[in-house]
C-alpha cells in the first residue's frame, strides 16, 4: 500500500459536457452572421438617418475630387500617383500638356 491510497481505485471519470464539433461551430457562426446581417439591415439605416438627419441611401454630402472644373488635372494626377512612383510637378505639367 502506498501513501496515495490503494492501487485498485481508479480516478473518477471527468464530467463530459456537450461535444463541440465542426457542425456546431459552423451552425453558431451562421447564426451569428445572420443576426449581424439582420441587425445591420434593420438598425443601421435608422441610426444613419438620426446621425445625418436625412436619408441613408445617398451620400449627397460628398463631392468627388475627380469631377468638376479641374477634373482633367485631378485625373492625370491620380493616374500618375498610381502608375509613376514619385512623379514630380514637372511630370504632372508635361502629362497635362500632352493630354
Protein backbone atom coordinates (compact mmCIF):
# COMPACT_ATOMS: atom_id res chain seq x y z
CA UNK A 1 0.00 0.00 0.00
CA UNK A 2 1.32 3.40 -0.94
CA UNK A 3 0.78 6.79 0.60
CA UNK A 4 -1.54 7.82 -2.26
CA UNK A 5 -4.00 5.03 -1.45
CA UNK A 6 -4.85 1.62 -2.72
CA UNK A 7 -3.76 0.87 -6.29
CA UNK A 8 -7.07 -0.71 -7.30
CA UNK A 9 -9.03 2.59 -7.09
CA UNK A 10 -9.24 4.35 -10.40
CA UNK A 11 -9.61 8.09 -10.82
CA UNK A 12 -13.15 9.39 -11.07
CA UNK A 13 -14.21 9.98 -14.67
CA UNK A 14 -14.24 13.64 -15.71
CA UNK A 15 -17.61 15.22 -16.31
CA UNK A 16 -18.31 15.45 -20.00
CA UNK A 17 -20.15 18.46 -21.42
CA UNK A 18 -21.67 18.86 -24.85
CA UNK A 19 -19.33 17.88 -27.64
CA UNK A 20 -18.08 20.61 -29.93
CA UNK A 21 -17.57 19.58 -33.50
CA UNK A 22 -17.38 21.24 -36.88
CA UNK A 23 -21.15 21.20 -37.37
CA UNK A 24 -21.90 23.05 -34.12
CA UNK A 25 -19.19 25.66 -34.77
CA UNK A 26 -20.41 26.30 -38.32
CA UNK A 27 -24.01 26.50 -37.11
CA UNK A 28 -23.09 29.04 -34.45
CA UNK A 29 -21.13 31.09 -36.99
CA UNK A 30 -24.03 31.01 -39.43
CA UNK A 31 -26.48 32.11 -36.73
CA UNK A 32 -24.16 34.94 -35.65
CA UNK A 33 -23.74 36.10 -39.25
CA UNK A 34 -27.48 36.05 -39.87
CA UNK A 35 -28.05 38.01 -36.67
CA UNK A 36 -25.45 40.61 -37.62
CA UNK A 37 -26.94 40.96 -41.11
CA UNK A 38 -30.44 41.39 -39.69
CA UNK A 39 -29.19 43.95 -37.19
CA UNK A 40 -27.38 45.86 -39.93
CA UNK A 41 -30.45 45.79 -42.16
CA UNK A 42 -32.92 46.88 -39.51
CA UNK A 43 -30.99 49.17 -37.17
CA UNK A 44 -28.20 50.80 -39.20
CA UNK A 45 -30.34 52.83 -41.66
CA UNK A 46 -32.24 54.33 -38.75
CA UNK A 47 -29.03 55.22 -36.93
CA UNK A 48 -27.59 56.78 -40.08
CA UNK A 49 -30.77 58.81 -40.54
CA UNK A 50 -30.64 60.04 -36.95
CA UNK A 51 -26.97 60.97 -37.15
CA UNK A 52 -27.05 62.63 -40.57
CA UNK A 53 -30.58 63.97 -40.38
CA UNK A 54 -31.50 62.63 -43.79
CA UNK A 55 -31.75 59.54 -45.89
CA UNK A 56 -29.01 56.92 -45.56
CA UNK A 57 -29.42 55.78 -49.16
CA UNK A 58 -27.36 58.53 -50.82
CA UNK A 59 -24.20 60.38 -50.00
CA UNK A 60 -25.18 63.86 -51.11
CA UNK A 61 -22.61 65.49 -48.83
CA UNK A 62 -19.61 64.00 -50.66
CA UNK A 63 -18.21 65.58 -53.81
CA UNK A 64 -15.73 63.64 -55.93
CA UNK A 65 -12.37 65.33 -56.47
CA UNK A 66 -12.27 63.73 -59.93
CA UNK A 67 -15.27 65.76 -61.09
CA UNK A 68 -15.82 69.45 -61.51
CA UNK A 69 -13.85 72.23 -63.12
CA UNK A 70 -10.37 70.76 -62.53
CA UNK A 71 -11.32 67.19 -63.37
CA UNK A 72 -8.70 66.83 -66.10
CA UNK A 73 -5.78 67.74 -63.83
CA UNK A 74 -7.16 65.65 -60.98
CA UNK A 75 -7.48 62.57 -63.18
CA UNK A 76 -3.94 62.99 -64.52
CA UNK A 77 -2.55 63.43 -61.00
CA UNK A 78 -4.45 60.35 -59.86
CA UNK A 79 -3.10 58.31 -62.77
CA UNK A 80 0.48 59.43 -62.12
CA UNK A 81 0.18 58.63 -58.40
CA UNK A 82 -0.98 55.13 -59.25
CA UNK A 83 1.45 54.33 -62.08
CA UNK A 84 4.56 56.53 -61.81
CA UNK A 85 6.13 56.23 -58.38
CA UNK A 86 7.36 59.63 -57.30
CA UNK A 87 6.04 61.77 -60.17
CA UNK A 88 7.19 65.38 -59.88
CA UNK A 89 5.28 68.56 -60.58
CA UNK A 90 7.09 68.81 -63.93
CA UNK A 91 5.85 65.32 -64.83
CA UNK A 92 2.30 66.39 -63.97
CA UNK A 93 2.53 69.53 -66.09
CA UNK A 94 4.02 67.60 -69.02
CA UNK A 95 1.27 64.96 -68.82
CA UNK A 96 -1.42 67.68 -68.65
CA UNK A 97 0.13 69.40 -71.68
CA UNK A 98 0.33 66.13 -73.63
CA UNK A 99 -3.24 65.26 -72.80
